[in-house]
Amino acid sequence: MTYEVLKNDPQVRAYIEAGNDAMKALGYTEHCFPHLCLTAETAAEILRELGHSQEVIEQAKIAGLLHDIGNMVNRTFHPASGAEIARTILERYGMDYRSIGVICSAIGNHDEKTGKPVNIPSAAIIIADKSDVRRDRVQETCMEKIAADIHDRVNYAVTRSEIMVVESPKSPIIRLCLDLDVEFTPVIDYFEIFLARMVMCRRAAAFLGAEFELVINGAKII
Protein backbone atom coordinates (compact mmCIF):
# COMPACT_ATOMS: atom_id res chain seq x y z
CA MET A 1 0.00 0.00 0.00
CA THR A 2 1.69 3.18 -1.19
CA TYR A 3 0.90 6.76 -2.08
CA GLU A 4 1.58 6.02 -5.75
CA VAL A 5 -0.91 3.14 -5.76
CA LEU A 6 -3.60 5.24 -4.06
CA LYS A 7 -3.23 8.07 -6.58
CA ASN A 8 -4.51 5.74 -9.28
CA ASP A 9 -7.21 3.99 -7.27
CA PRO A 10 -10.58 4.51 -9.06
CA GLN A 11 -12.49 4.98 -5.80
CA VAL A 12 -10.00 7.55 -4.50
CA ARG A 13 -10.01 9.45 -7.78
CA ALA A 14 -13.81 9.50 -8.02
CA TYR A 15 -14.27 10.69 -4.43
CA ILE A 16 -11.61 13.40 -4.70
CA GLU A 17 -13.06 14.67 -7.98
CA ALA A 18 -16.58 14.68 -6.49
CA GLY A 19 -15.27 16.68 -3.53
CA ASN A 20 -13.63 19.25 -5.77
CA ASP A 21 -16.79 19.54 -7.87
CA ALA A 22 -18.64 20.41 -4.65
CA MET A 23 -15.96 22.93 -3.65
CA LYS A 24 -16.13 24.61 -7.04
CA ALA A 25 -19.93 24.85 -6.82
CA LEU A 26 -19.57 26.44 -3.38
CA GLY A 27 -17.04 28.97 -4.64
CA TYR A 28 -13.91 27.47 -3.04
CA THR A 29 -10.42 27.25 -4.48
CA GLU A 30 -9.13 24.01 -6.02
CA HIS A 31 -9.09 20.99 -3.69
CA CYS A 32 -8.27 18.30 -6.27
CA PHE A 33 -5.10 16.42 -7.23
CA PRO A 34 -2.79 19.42 -7.72
CA HIS A 35 -3.45 20.58 -4.14
CA LEU A 36 -3.52 17.10 -2.64
CA CYS A 37 -0.36 15.86 -4.34
CA LEU A 38 1.49 19.07 -3.51
CA THR A 39 0.40 18.72 0.12
CA ALA A 40 1.54 15.10 0.20
CA GLU A 41 4.88 15.71 -1.45
CA THR A 42 5.66 18.91 0.49
CA ALA A 43 4.90 17.14 3.76
CA ALA A 44 7.18 14.29 2.69
CA GLU A 45 10.00 16.68 1.81
CA ILE A 46 9.71 18.47 5.16
CA LEU A 47 9.96 15.17 7.04
CA ARG A 48 12.79 13.95 4.81
CA GLU A 49 14.77 17.13 5.53
CA LEU A 50 14.14 16.64 9.26
CA GLY A 51 15.45 13.09 9.13
CA HIS A 52 12.29 11.04 9.67
CA SER A 53 11.92 7.43 8.56
CA GLN A 54 10.56 6.33 5.20
CA GLU A 55 7.59 4.73 6.99
CA VAL A 56 6.57 8.02 8.57
CA ILE A 57 7.15 9.88 5.30
CA GLU A 58 4.87 7.43 3.44
CA GLN A 59 2.18 7.85 6.11
CA ALA A 60 2.35 11.62 5.64
CA LYS A 61 2.07 11.27 1.85
CA ILE A 62 -1.01 9.07 2.12
CA ALA A 63 -2.60 11.40 4.68
CA GLY A 64 -1.81 14.37 2.46
CA LEU A 65 -3.39 12.73 -0.57
CA LEU A 66 -6.58 11.82 1.32
CA HIS A 67 -6.91 14.76 3.72
CA ASP A 68 -9.69 16.52 1.75
CA ILE A 69 -11.56 13.44 0.53
CA GLY A 70 -14.40 14.25 2.94
CA ASN A 71 -15.30 17.32 0.90
CA MET A 72 -17.58 15.10 -1.18
CA VAL A 73 -19.79 14.75 1.93
CA ASN A 74 -19.72 18.22 3.50
CA ARG A 75 -17.11 20.95 3.82
CA THR A 76 -17.81 21.76 7.47
CA PHE A 77 -17.22 18.23 8.72
CA HIS A 78 -14.75 17.11 6.07
CA PRO A 79 -11.86 16.17 8.41
CA ALA A 80 -13.97 13.66 10.36
CA SER A 81 -15.83 12.26 7.35
CA GLY A 82 -12.59 12.15 5.38
CA ALA A 83 -10.86 10.14 8.10
CA GLU A 84 -13.70 7.62 8.07
CA ILE A 85 -13.68 7.33 4.27
CA ALA A 86 -9.89 6.92 4.32
CA ARG A 87 -10.18 4.17 6.96
CA THR A 88 -12.43 2.08 4.73
CA ILE A 89 -10.13 2.51 1.72
CA LEU A 90 -6.96 1.64 3.66
CA GLU A 91 -8.59 -1.38 5.27
CA ARG A 92 -9.59 -2.58 1.80
CA TYR A 93 -5.88 -2.63 0.93
CA GLY A 94 -5.06 -4.55 4.11
CA MET A 95 -2.94 -1.80 5.67
CA ASP A 96 -1.96 -2.52 9.27
CA TYR A 97 -4.26 -0.96 11.85
CA ARG A 98 -1.51 1.05 13.53
CA SER A 99 -0.68 2.89 10.32
CA ILE A 100 -4.37 3.44 9.57
CA GLY A 101 -4.75 5.00 13.01
CA VAL A 102 -1.84 7.40 12.42
CA ILE A 103 -3.11 8.41 8.98
CA CYS A 104 -6.74 8.85 10.02
CA SER A 105 -5.73 10.90 13.07
CA ALA A 106 -3.72 13.17 10.77
CA ILE A 107 -6.66 13.58 8.38
CA GLY A 108 -9.14 14.19 11.18
CA ASN A 109 -7.01 16.91 12.79
CA HIS A 110 -5.78 18.96 9.83
CA ASP A 111 -8.37 21.76 9.98
CA GLU A 112 -7.56 24.89 11.99
CA LYS A 113 -11.09 25.17 13.40
CA THR A 114 -11.17 21.78 15.12
CA GLY A 115 -7.75 20.16 14.87
CA LYS A 116 -4.19 20.36 16.09
CA PRO A 117 -0.98 18.42 15.43
CA VAL A 118 -1.38 14.99 17.02
CA ASN A 119 1.44 13.00 15.39
CA ILE A 120 4.37 13.58 13.04
CA PRO A 121 2.49 13.08 9.74
CA SER A 122 -0.28 15.32 11.09
CA ALA A 123 2.14 18.16 11.79
CA ALA A 124 3.73 17.87 8.35
CA ILE A 125 0.46 17.88 6.40
CA ILE A 126 -0.84 20.83 8.43
CA ILE A 127 2.14 22.91 7.31
CA ALA A 128 1.98 21.68 3.71
CA ASP A 129 -1.79 22.16 3.45
CA LYS A 130 -1.99 25.61 5.04
CA SER A 131 0.99 26.85 3.04
CA ASP A 132 -0.56 26.02 -0.33
CA VAL A 133 -1.66 29.45 -1.53
CA ARG A 134 -1.12 30.20 -5.22
CA ARG A 135 -2.78 31.60 -8.32
CA ASP A 136 -3.34 28.15 -9.84
CA ARG A 137 -5.82 27.24 -7.10
CA VAL A 138 -8.36 29.85 -8.23
CA GLN A 139 -11.19 28.06 -10.06
CA GLU A 140 -13.21 31.18 -10.89
CA THR A 141 -12.46 32.62 -14.33
CA CYS A 142 -14.19 36.01 -14.12
CA MET A 143 -11.70 38.62 -12.91
CA GLU A 144 -14.42 40.78 -11.37
CA LYS A 145 -15.58 37.86 -9.24
CA ILE A 146 -12.00 36.97 -8.33
CA ALA A 147 -11.36 40.51 -7.15
CA ALA A 148 -14.58 40.55 -5.14
CA ASP A 149 -13.88 37.31 -3.23
CA ILE A 150 -11.09 37.60 -0.65
CA HIS A 151 -10.05 33.93 -0.88
CA ASP A 152 -9.78 34.00 -4.66
CA ARG A 153 -8.19 37.45 -4.57
CA VAL A 154 -5.44 36.41 -2.15
CA ASN A 155 -4.68 33.15 -3.95
CA TYR A 156 -4.61 34.94 -7.31
CA ALA A 157 -2.23 37.56 -5.92
CA VAL A 158 0.39 34.96 -4.91
CA THR A 159 2.76 34.60 -7.85
CA ARG A 160 5.35 32.42 -6.04
CA SER A 161 5.05 30.07 -3.09
CA GLU A 162 7.98 28.08 -1.76
CA ILE A 163 8.47 26.19 1.48
CA MET A 164 11.88 25.05 2.68
CA VAL A 165 13.66 23.66 5.72
CA VAL A 166 16.60 25.80 6.79
CA GLU A 167 19.23 24.75 9.32
CA SER A 168 19.90 27.10 12.21
CA PRO A 169 22.02 26.86 15.40
CA LYS A 170 18.98 26.64 17.69
CA SER A 171 16.52 24.46 15.74
CA PRO A 172 15.53 23.91 12.10
CA ILE A 173 13.35 26.58 10.48
CA ILE A 174 10.43 25.70 8.23
CA ARG A 175 10.17 28.81 6.06
CA LEU A 176 7.29 29.75 3.76
CA CYS A 177 8.26 32.36 1.16
CA LEU A 178 5.56 34.12 -0.82
CA ASP A 179 5.63 36.72 -3.55
CA LEU A 180 2.39 38.67 -3.28
CA ASP A 181 1.13 41.19 -5.85
CA VAL A 182 0.20 44.03 -3.47
CA GLU A 183 -1.35 46.00 -6.32
CA PHE A 184 -3.97 43.28 -6.59
CA THR A 185 -4.52 42.79 -2.85
CA PRO A 186 -2.81 44.18 0.28
CA VAL A 187 -0.84 41.97 2.67
CA ILE A 188 -3.49 42.51 5.36
CA ASP A 189 -5.97 40.53 3.22
CA TYR A 190 -3.66 37.53 3.44
CA PHE A 191 -3.76 37.68 7.22
CA GLU A 192 -7.52 38.13 7.32
CA ILE A 193 -7.95 34.60 6.02
CA PHE A 194 -4.63 32.95 6.88
CA LEU A 195 -3.74 34.15 10.38
CA ALA A 196 -5.33 31.16 12.17
CA ARG A 197 -3.69 28.84 9.64
CA MET A 198 -0.26 30.39 10.19
CA VAL A 199 -0.68 30.02 13.96
CA MET A 200 -1.50 26.35 13.36
CA CYS A 201 1.61 26.04 11.19
CA ARG A 202 3.73 27.48 14.00
CA ARG A 203 2.33 24.91 16.43
CA ALA A 204 2.87 22.13 13.91
CA ALA A 205 6.48 23.19 13.38
CA ALA A 206 7.02 23.20 17.14
CA PHE A 207 5.61 19.65 17.27
CA LEU A 208 8.34 18.71 14.78
CA GLY A 209 11.01 20.44 16.86
CA ALA A 210 11.31 23.32 14.43
CA GLU A 211 10.37 26.98 14.10
CA PHE A 212 8.02 28.42 11.49
CA GLU A 213 8.76 31.56 9.49
CA LEU A 214 6.62 33.45 6.98
CA VAL A 215 8.38 35.69 4.47
CA ILE A 216 6.28 37.85 2.14
CA ASN A 217 7.98 39.82 -0.64
CA GLY A 218 11.35 39.27 1.03
CA ALA A 219 10.29 40.59 4.45
CA LYS A 220 10.01 38.30 7.47
CA ILE A 221 6.49 38.60 8.85
CA ILE A 222 6.46 35.79 11.43
C-alpha atoms as a PDB file:
ATOM      1  CA  MET A   1       0.000   0.000   0.000  1.00  0.00           C
ATOM      2  CA  THR A   2       1.686   3.180  -1.188  1.00  0.00           C
ATOM      3  CA  TYR A   3       0.902   6.760  -2.079  1.00  0.00           C
ATOM      4  CA  GLU A   4       1.576   6.020  -5.746  1.00  0.00           C
ATOM      5  CA  VAL A   5      -0.912   3.139  -5.764  1.00  0.00           C
ATOM      6  CA  LEU A   6      -3.597   5.245  -4.063  1.00  0.00           C
ATOM      7  CA  LYS A   7      -3.229   8.074  -6.580  1.00  0.00           C
ATOM      8  CA  ASN A   8      -4.511   5.738  -9.281  1.00  0.00           C
ATOM      9  CA  ASP A   9      -7.210   3.993  -7.270  1.00  0.00           C
ATOM     10  CA  PRO A  10     -10.579   4.510  -9.062  1.00  0.00           C
ATOM     11  CA  GLN A  11     -12.492   4.982  -5.800  1.00  0.00           C
ATOM     12  CA  VAL A  12      -9.998   7.549  -4.503  1.00  0.00           C
ATOM     13  CA  ARG A  13     -10.009   9.452  -7.781  1.00  0.00           C
ATOM     14  CA  ALA A  14     -13.806   9.503  -8.017  1.00  0.00           C
ATOM     15  CA  TYR A  15     -14.269  10.692  -4.426  1.00  0.00           C
ATOM     16  CA  ILE A  16     -11.613  13.396  -4.705  1.00  0.00           C
ATOM     17  CA  GLU A  17     -13.059  14.669  -7.984  1.00  0.00           C
ATOM     18  CA  ALA A  18     -16.578  14.682  -6.487  1.00  0.00           C
ATOM     19  CA  GLY A  19     -15.273  16.680  -3.535  1.00  0.00           C
ATOM     20  CA  ASN A  20     -13.632  19.249  -5.770  1.00  0.00           C
ATOM     21  CA  ASP A  21     -16.793  19.544  -7.871  1.00  0.00           C
ATOM     22  CA  ALA A  22     -18.642  20.411  -4.650  1.00  0.00           C
ATOM     23  CA  MET A  23     -15.960  22.926  -3.651  1.00  0.00           C
ATOM     24  CA  LYS A  24     -16.132  24.611  -7.045  1.00  0.00           C
ATOM     25  CA  ALA A  25     -19.929  24.847  -6.820  1.00  0.00           C
ATOM     26  CA  LEU A  26     -19.574  26.436  -3.377  1.00  0.00           C
ATOM     27  CA  GLY A  27     -17.038  28.973  -4.642  1.00  0.00           C
ATOM     28  CA  TYR A  28     -13.910  27.474  -3.039  1.00  0.00           C
ATOM     29  CA  THR A  29     -10.418  27.252  -4.482  1.00  0.00           C
ATOM     30  CA  GLU A  30      -9.128  24.015  -6.024  1.00  0.00           C
ATOM     31  CA  HIS A  31      -9.091  20.994  -3.692  1.00  0.00           C
ATOM     32  CA  CYS A  32      -8.267  18.302  -6.269  1.00  0.00           C
ATOM     33  CA  PHE A  33      -5.103  16.421  -7.228  1.00  0.00           C
ATOM     34  CA  PRO A  34      -2.791  19.421  -7.724  1.00  0.00           C
ATOM     35  CA  HIS A  35      -3.446  20.579  -4.142  1.00  0.00           C
ATOM     36  CA  LEU A  36      -3.522  17.097  -2.639  1.00  0.00           C
ATOM     37  CA  CYS A  37      -0.360  15.862  -4.341  1.00  0.00           C
ATOM     38  CA  LEU A  38       1.487  19.069  -3.511  1.00  0.00           C
ATOM     39  CA  THR A  39       0.404  18.724   0.117  1.00  0.00           C
ATOM     40  CA  ALA A  40       1.540  15.100   0.205  1.00  0.00           C
ATOM     41  CA  GLU A  41       4.882  15.710  -1.452  1.00  0.00           C
ATOM     42  CA  THR A  42       5.661  18.906   0.485  1.00  0.00           C
ATOM     43  CA  ALA A  43       4.898  17.137   3.763  1.00  0.00           C
ATOM     44  CA  ALA A  44       7.176  14.286   2.687  1.00  0.00           C
ATOM     45  CA  GLU A  45      10.003  16.677   1.813  1.00  0.00           C
ATOM     46  CA  ILE A  46       9.707  18.469   5.164  1.00  0.00           C
ATOM     47  CA  LEU A  47       9.961  15.169   7.037  1.00  0.00           C
ATOM     48  CA  ARG A  48      12.789  13.953   4.806  1.00  0.00           C
ATOM     49  CA  GLU A  49      14.766  17.132   5.532  1.00  0.00           C
ATOM     50  CA  LEU A  50      14.135  16.644   9.264  1.00  0.00           C
ATOM     51  CA  GLY A  51      15.452  13.088   9.132  1.00  0.00           C
ATOM     52  CA  HIS A  52      12.290  11.041   9.673  1.00  0.00           C
ATOM     53  CA  SER A  53      11.917   7.430   8.561  1.00  0.00           C
ATOM     54  CA  GLN A  54      10.564   6.325   5.199  1.00  0.00           C
ATOM     55  CA  GLU A  55       7.588   4.728   6.987  1.00  0.00           C
ATOM     56  CA  VAL A  56       6.569   8.024   8.574  1.00  0.00           C
ATOM     57  CA  ILE A  57       7.148   9.877   5.297  1.00  0.00           C
ATOM     58  CA  GLU A  58       4.873   7.432   3.444  1.00  0.00           C
ATOM     59  CA  GLN A  59       2.179   7.848   6.114  1.00  0.00           C
ATOM     60  CA  ALA A  60       2.349  11.617   5.635  1.00  0.00           C
ATOM     61  CA  LYS A  61       2.072  11.271   1.849  1.00  0.00           C
ATOM     62  CA  ILE A  62      -1.007   9.066   2.122  1.00  0.00           C
ATOM     63  CA  ALA A  63      -2.599  11.400   4.683  1.00  0.00           C
ATOM     64  CA  GLY A  64      -1.807  14.372   2.462  1.00  0.00           C
ATOM     65  CA  LEU A  65      -3.394  12.733  -0.571  1.00  0.00           C
ATOM     66  CA  LEU A  66      -6.576  11.820   1.324  1.00  0.00           C
ATOM     67  CA  HIS A  67      -6.907  14.760   3.721  1.00  0.00           C
ATOM     68  CA  ASP A  68      -9.691  16.523   1.754  1.00  0.00           C
ATOM     69  CA  ILE A  69     -11.562  13.443   0.526  1.00  0.00           C
ATOM     70  CA  GLY A  70     -14.405  14.248   2.945  1.00  0.00           C
ATOM     71  CA  ASN A  71     -15.303  17.323   0.904  1.00  0.00           C
ATOM     72  CA  MET A  72     -17.576  15.101  -1.179  1.00  0.00           C
ATOM     73  CA  VAL A  73     -19.793  14.751   1.934  1.00  0.00           C
ATOM     74  CA  ASN A  74     -19.724  18.219   3.503  1.00  0.00           C
ATOM     75  CA  ARG A  75     -17.113  20.945   3.818  1.00  0.00           C
ATOM     76  CA  THR A  76     -17.808  21.764   7.465  1.00  0.00           C
ATOM     77  CA  PHE A  77     -17.215  18.226   8.718  1.00  0.00           C
ATOM     78  CA  HIS A  78     -14.748  17.110   6.067  1.00  0.00           C
ATOM     79  CA  PRO A  79     -11.857  16.169   8.409  1.00  0.00           C
ATOM     80  CA  ALA A  80     -13.974  13.660  10.357  1.00  0.00           C
ATOM     81  CA  SER A  81     -15.833  12.260   7.348  1.00  0.00           C
ATOM     82  CA  GLY A  82     -12.592  12.151   5.384  1.00  0.00           C
ATOM     83  CA  ALA A  83     -10.860  10.143   8.102  1.00  0.00           C
ATOM     84  CA  GLU A  84     -13.698   7.617   8.075  1.00  0.00           C
ATOM     85  CA  ILE A  85     -13.675   7.333   4.271  1.00  0.00           C
ATOM     86  CA  ALA A  86      -9.887   6.919   4.323  1.00  0.00           C
ATOM     87  CA  ARG A  87     -10.181   4.174   6.963  1.00  0.00           C
ATOM     88  CA  THR A  88     -12.435   2.078   4.727  1.00  0.00           C
ATOM     89  CA  ILE A  89     -10.126   2.511   1.724  1.00  0.00           C
ATOM     90  CA  LEU A  90      -6.961   1.643   3.659  1.00  0.00           C
ATOM     91  CA  GLU A  91      -8.591  -1.383   5.270  1.00  0.00           C
ATOM     92  CA  ARG A  92      -9.585  -2.581   1.804  1.00  0.00           C
ATOM     93  CA  TYR A  93      -5.882  -2.628   0.933  1.00  0.00           C
ATOM     94  CA  GLY A  94      -5.055  -4.546   4.108  1.00  0.00           C
ATOM     95  CA  MET A  95      -2.941  -1.799   5.670  1.00  0.00           C
ATOM     96  CA  ASP A  96      -1.963  -2.522   9.272  1.00  0.00           C
ATOM     97  CA  TYR A  97      -4.261  -0.955  11.847  1.00  0.00           C
ATOM     98  CA  ARG A  98      -1.512   1.054  13.534  1.00  0.00           C
ATOM     99  CA  SER A  99      -0.677   2.894  10.325  1.00  0.00           C
ATOM    100  CA  ILE A 100      -4.369   3.437   9.572  1.00  0.00           C
ATOM    101  CA  GLY A 101      -4.748   5.001  13.015  1.00  0.00           C
ATOM    102  CA  VAL A 102      -1.843   7.395  12.420  1.00  0.00           C
ATOM    103  CA  ILE A 103      -3.112   8.412   8.976  1.00  0.00           C
ATOM    104  CA  CYS A 104      -6.741   8.845  10.024  1.00  0.00           C
ATOM    105  CA  SER A 105      -5.728  10.903  13.067  1.00  0.00           C
ATOM    106  CA  ALA A 106      -3.722  13.165  10.770  1.00  0.00           C
ATOM    107  CA  ILE A 107      -6.662  13.584   8.384  1.00  0.00           C
ATOM    108  CA  GLY A 108      -9.139  14.191  11.184  1.00  0.00           C
ATOM    109  CA  ASN A 109      -7.008  16.907  12.790  1.00  0.00           C
ATOM    110  CA  HIS A 110      -5.781  18.960   9.826  1.00  0.00           C
ATOM    111  CA  ASP A 111      -8.374  21.761   9.981  1.00  0.00           C
ATOM    112  CA  GLU A 112      -7.559  24.891  11.990  1.00  0.00           C
ATOM    113  CA  LYS A 113     -11.087  25.172  13.404  1.00  0.00           C
ATOM    114  CA  THR A 114     -11.173  21.784  15.117  1.00  0.00           C
ATOM    115  CA  GLY A 115      -7.747  20.159  14.875  1.00  0.00           C
ATOM    116  CA  LYS A 116      -4.190  20.357  16.093  1.00  0.00           C
ATOM    117  CA  PRO A 117      -0.981  18.416  15.426  1.00  0.00           C
ATOM    118  CA  VAL A 118      -1.376  14.986  17.021  1.00  0.00           C
ATOM    119  CA  ASN A 119       1.439  13.004  15.392  1.00  0.00           C
ATOM    120  CA  ILE A 120       4.373  13.584  13.043  1.00  0.00           C
ATOM    121  CA  PRO A 121       2.491  13.076   9.740  1.00  0.00           C
ATOM    122  CA  SER A 122      -0.277  15.316  11.086  1.00  0.00           C
ATOM    123  CA  ALA A 123       2.139  18.164  11.788  1.00  0.00           C
ATOM    124  CA  ALA A 124       3.728  17.865   8.352  1.00  0.00           C
ATOM    125  CA  ILE A 125       0.457  17.880   6.405  1.00  0.00           C
ATOM    126  CA  ILE A 126      -0.845  20.830   8.434  1.00  0.00           C
ATOM    127  CA  ILE A 127       2.140  22.908   7.308  1.00  0.00           C
ATOM    128  CA  ALA A 128       1.984  21.677   3.715  1.00  0.00           C
ATOM    129  CA  ASP A 129      -1.787  22.163   3.449  1.00  0.00           C
ATOM    130  CA  LYS A 130      -1.992  25.614   5.045  1.00  0.00           C
ATOM    131  CA  SER A 131       0.986  26.851   3.041  1.00  0.00           C
ATOM    132  CA  ASP A 132      -0.559  26.023  -0.329  1.00  0.00           C
ATOM    133  CA  VAL A 133      -1.664  29.445  -1.525  1.00  0.00           C
ATOM    134  CA  ARG A 134      -1.118  30.202  -5.222  1.00  0.00           C
ATOM    135  CA  ARG A 135      -2.778  31.600  -8.324  1.00  0.00           C
ATOM    136  CA  ASP A 136      -3.338  28.146  -9.843  1.00  0.00           C
ATOM    137  CA  ARG A 137      -5.819  27.240  -7.095  1.00  0.00           C
ATOM    138  CA  VAL A 138      -8.365  29.848  -8.230  1.00  0.00           C
ATOM    139  CA  GLN A 139     -11.192  28.059 -10.055  1.00  0.00           C
ATOM    140  CA  GLU A 140     -13.206  31.176 -10.892  1.00  0.00           C
ATOM    141  CA  THR A 141     -12.457  32.618 -14.335  1.00  0.00           C
ATOM    142  CA  CYS A 142     -14.193  36.006 -14.116  1.00  0.00           C
ATOM    143  CA  MET A 143     -11.696  38.622 -12.913  1.00  0.00           C
ATOM    144  CA  GLU A 144     -14.418  40.782 -11.372  1.00  0.00           C
ATOM    145  CA  LYS A 145     -15.582  37.862  -9.244  1.00  0.00           C
ATOM    146  CA  ILE A 146     -11.995  36.974  -8.326  1.00  0.00           C
ATOM    147  CA  ALA A 147     -11.360  40.515  -7.152  1.00  0.00           C
ATOM    148  CA  ALA A 148     -14.583  40.546  -5.136  1.00  0.00           C
ATOM    149  CA  ASP A 149     -13.877  37.309  -3.226  1.00  0.00           C
ATOM    150  CA  ILE A 150     -11.086  37.597  -0.645  1.00  0.00           C
ATOM    151  CA  HIS A 151     -10.049  33.928  -0.877  1.00  0.00           C
ATOM    152  CA  ASP A 152      -9.776  34.004  -4.661  1.00  0.00           C
ATOM    153  CA  ARG A 153      -8.185  37.446  -4.571  1.00  0.00           C
ATOM    154  CA  VAL A 154      -5.437  36.414  -2.153  1.00  0.00           C
ATOM    155  CA  ASN A 155      -4.681  33.154  -3.946  1.00  0.00           C
ATOM    156  CA  TYR A 156      -4.612  34.940  -7.313  1.00  0.00           C
ATOM    157  CA  ALA A 157      -2.229  37.558  -5.917  1.00  0.00           C
ATOM    158  CA  VAL A 158       0.393  34.963  -4.908  1.00  0.00           C
ATOM    159  CA  THR A 159       2.759  34.597  -7.847  1.00  0.00           C
ATOM    160  CA  ARG A 160       5.347  32.424  -6.041  1.00  0.00           C
ATOM    161  CA  SER A 161       5.054  30.075  -3.086  1.00  0.00           C
ATOM    162  CA  GLU A 162       7.980  28.076  -1.764  1.00  0.00           C
ATOM    163  CA  ILE A 163       8.466  26.187   1.478  1.00  0.00           C
ATOM    164  CA  MET A 164      11.876  25.046   2.682  1.00  0.00           C
ATOM    165  CA  VAL A 165      13.657  23.658   5.724  1.00  0.00           C
ATOM    166  CA  VAL A 166      16.603  25.802   6.788  1.00  0.00           C
ATOM    167  CA  GLU A 167      19.226  24.749   9.315  1.00  0.00           C
ATOM    168  CA  SER A 168      19.902  27.098  12.209  1.00  0.00           C
ATOM    169  CA  PRO A 169      22.018  26.861  15.397  1.00  0.00           C
ATOM    170  CA  LYS A 170      18.978  26.637  17.685  1.00  0.00           C
ATOM    171  CA  SER A 171      16.523  24.459  15.736  1.00  0.00           C
ATOM    172  CA  PRO A 172      15.529  23.906  12.103  1.00  0.00           C
ATOM    173  CA  ILE A 173      13.354  26.579  10.484  1.00  0.00           C
ATOM    174  CA  ILE A 174      10.434  25.703   8.226  1.00  0.00           C
ATOM    175  CA  ARG A 175      10.170  28.814   6.063  1.00  0.00           C
ATOM    176  CA  LEU A 176       7.286  29.753   3.762  1.00  0.00           C
ATOM    177  CA  CYS A 177       8.264  32.355   1.163  1.00  0.00           C
ATOM    178  CA  LEU A 178       5.555  34.117  -0.820  1.00  0.00           C
ATOM    179  CA  ASP A 179       5.626  36.718  -3.555  1.00  0.00           C
ATOM    180  CA  LEU A 180       2.388  38.674  -3.283  1.00  0.00           C
ATOM    181  CA  ASP A 181       1.127  41.190  -5.850  1.00  0.00           C
ATOM    182  CA  VAL A 182       0.202  44.028  -3.472  1.00  0.00           C
ATOM    183  CA  GLU A 183      -1.349  46.001  -6.318  1.00  0.00           C
ATOM    184  CA  PHE A 184      -3.965  43.277  -6.593  1.00  0.00           C
ATOM    185  CA  THR A 185      -4.518  42.795  -2.853  1.00  0.00           C
ATOM    186  CA  PRO A 186      -2.809  44.185   0.285  1.00  0.00           C
ATOM    187  CA  VAL A 187      -0.843  41.966   2.667  1.00  0.00           C
ATOM    188  CA  ILE A 188      -3.486  42.509   5.364  1.00  0.00           C
ATOM    189  CA  ASP A 189      -5.967  40.530   3.221  1.00  0.00           C
ATOM    190  CA  TYR A 190      -3.656  37.531   3.443  1.00  0.00           C
ATOM    191  CA  PHE A 191      -3.760  37.681   7.224  1.00  0.00           C
ATOM    192  CA  GLU A 192      -7.521  38.133   7.320  1.00  0.00           C
ATOM    193  CA  ILE A 193      -7.952  34.597   6.015  1.00  0.00           C
ATOM    194  CA  PHE A 194      -4.631  32.945   6.880  1.00  0.00           C
ATOM    195  CA  LEU A 195      -3.743  34.147  10.384  1.00  0.00           C
ATOM    196  CA  ALA A 196      -5.332  31.160  12.165  1.00  0.00           C
ATOM    197  CA  ARG A 197      -3.693  28.844   9.637  1.00  0.00           C
ATOM    198  CA  MET A 198      -0.262  30.387  10.189  1.00  0.00           C
ATOM    199  CA  VAL A 199      -0.678  30.019  13.962  1.00  0.00           C
ATOM    200  CA  MET A 200      -1.505  26.355  13.357  1.00  0.00           C
ATOM    201  CA  CYS A 201       1.615  26.040  11.193  1.00  0.00           C
ATOM    202  CA  ARG A 202       3.727  27.483  13.995  1.00  0.00           C
ATOM    203  CA  ARG A 203       2.332  24.912  16.433  1.00  0.00           C
ATOM    204  CA  ALA A 204       2.865  22.125  13.912  1.00  0.00           C
ATOM    205  CA  ALA A 205       6.481  23.193  13.375  1.00  0.00           C
ATOM    206  CA  ALA A 206       7.024  23.196  17.143  1.00  0.00           C
ATOM    207  CA  PHE A 207       5.608  19.651  17.269  1.00  0.00           C
ATOM    208  CA  LEU A 208       8.338  18.705  14.775  1.00  0.00           C
ATOM    209  CA  GLY A 209      11.014  20.436  16.860  1.00  0.00           C
ATOM    210  CA  ALA A 210      11.314  23.324  14.430  1.00  0.00           C
ATOM    211  CA  GLU A 211      10.369  26.979  14.098  1.00  0.00           C
ATOM    212  CA  PHE A 212       8.017  28.417  11.489  1.00  0.00           C
ATOM    213  CA  GLU A 213       8.756  31.561   9.492  1.00  0.00           C
ATOM    214  CA  LEU A 214       6.619  33.445   6.980  1.00  0.00           C
ATOM    215  CA  VAL A 215       8.382  35.692   4.475  1.00  0.00           C
ATOM    216  CA  ILE A 216       6.280  37.848   2.136  1.00  0.00           C
ATOM    217  CA  ASN A 217       7.979  39.820  -0.640  1.00  0.00           C
ATOM    218  CA  GLY A 218      11.350  39.274   1.030  1.00  0.00           C
ATOM    219  CA  ALA A 219      10.291  40.587   4.449  1.00  0.00           C
ATOM    220  CA  LYS A 220      10.012  38.301   7.471  1.00  0.00           C
ATOM    221  CA  ILE A 221       6.493  38.596   8.849  1.00  0.00           C
ATOM    222  CA  ILE A 222       6.459  35.793  11.427  1.00  0.00           C
END
